[in-house]
Each structure stands twice: as C-alpha cells, then as structure tokens.
Amino acid sequence: MLQRLILSTGESVPVIGIGSWLRFDIGESSSKRNELKQVLALMHQHKASVIDSSPMYGRSEQVIGELTDETGLANEFFYATKVWTSGRQAGIKQMNESMQRMRRSTMDLIQVHNLVDWQTHLGTLQEWKKEGRIRYTGITHYQVSFHSQLAKIIEQGAVDFVQFNYSIATRHAEKNLLPLAMEKGVAVIINEPLEKGALFQKVKSKPIPSWAADYEIKSWASFFLKYIISHPAVTCVIPATGNPLHMRDNLLSGEDPLPDEKGRKKMADYFDTL
C-alpha cells in the first residue's frame, strides 16, 4: 500500500481508506456485521488505516467503535469524523458524543461537515488540538459549487485536512483546489470517488482498455481509484463499501504502478469517449 505524507506533520497515511456513509449504518444483523469485520481485517492486512465517518451517518460511528473493538484492531486505524451542527456548545456536545461512540479518547481528525458553522467549529477544533483531544483539524464538502469556499479557507492556513469530491468524471478540483492544497501543505481526502456507483453504470459492459494493464488495472474500480491517487496532491481516497470483495479490489488499487501525467490524460480521454 502506497503512503502519502500529511504535510503539516510529516506523518504518513495509506492512500486507500474507507468511507462509512450507508455501509456502516446497520443494525444488529450478524451477517452484515461479520462482513464489515472482514472489511476491517482486510484493511489491516493491506496496511490501510483511514476510516471516515460523521454523526450525519446514522449508527455508523457507533458501529465503527463496536466492530474495531470486537476485532481487536481498535488501535490500528486512523479515525476521522465530523461536526455537523450550529453553535459552539452544540458542536462540543456532538463531538464528545462522536468520540464516545467511536470509543476514542483522542480523535485523529475531526472535520467541519459541509462547512456548517465552520468558523465557530474551527475555533473549537484548534483549541482541542492544542489540548491534545484531537490530532488534526479539517473541513469538508461534496459539491463542486463549494470548491471556491474550500479554497479560501485553505488560503488562510486554518486546517490540516480538506475533504472534497473528485473523480475521473468530475475533475473540477484539478483546476485549482488540488494544486492549492499541495502548495499550502494541506492534506487531501477524496470523497465520492465512484460517484455513488454512477461511474459503474457508465462503463457497464464496456471493456477496460488493454493498455490499463500497464498499471496493473484489472477492474473499473481500480481504473477509477488509480486515476485519483495518481494525482500528487491526493493524500487518501475513501470509497465506501461493506463488501469484502470490493474492499480487496479497492485496496489493491493503492499499490504501484500508477499512471504518470501522460497516462492520466489517456485515462481521462478514454473515459470521456464512453
């Protein structure tokens, strides 16, 4: 598994992580929980660590806390969650609850979800970072229309991480946001890399080009993920899955070889013709 630096500290994280929206929002079903345990075990086996969640994602934080404990892997992951409310005290209450649900005394990363009351919460997060309650601060959004606002906050040097949408179909972040994050030393987490599965609908029954074998690409998921992580500004990508087979495929996408700039253009051009 390839690693990328968190530029604010020099710590490294694996390029493939996991998102928990929908996939970890489950009840007590033993079959679903066993599948998620397999997913976590595969992550550990392949040296992946980043798990991203939010109080917005139903039971996901609680399930993550329970399953990482039950598998004995609780201290093997990089835990990221978010604050998603308005007001300082409401934010503090929500973040404390998130830490309890995920069973963390120190959270690796807390991000302001979709920029909701971001100025208030970043103030709290910076205080918590100084106190050692969290290790990193961040902001997130999932829509292209908010990329410019994310860029303005990055310019201020107020965060360690920024999370946003980017895929081979939605390449807007390449124009400014990705280069800016690299310039300012802000780590980048990519959400919606597979566009909620819509990318697979576009390539359904379409052949993977033979030249993709140069990058050891054997599936469309790998094609899409290798395109993203081959951008040097990307720190980690977090496709959501509860399927062990899909998780294994995603994890293998985080290994060399990756396309260079010429290869990336070839990939994008091919996708655009489909």
Foldseek 3Di string as FASTA:
>chain_A
DDWAALQVPRDIAFAAAAEQAPLQQDDDDPVLLVLQLLLVVLCVVLLHAEYEEEVVRHLNLLSQLVSCVVSVNLPSHQYEYEFEDDDQVSRVVRVVVSCVSNVHQAHAEYEHEQCHNVVNVLVVVVVCCVVRNYVWYEYEDEDPVCLVVRLVVLVVVSGSEYEYEDWLVRHSCVVPPLVSCVVSSHAYEHECHCVVVVLCVLCPVPDDDPCCVVFPDDDVLLLTSLLVVLRNSHRYYHYHDSGSVVSNNSSVSSDDDGDHPVVSVVSSVVSVVD
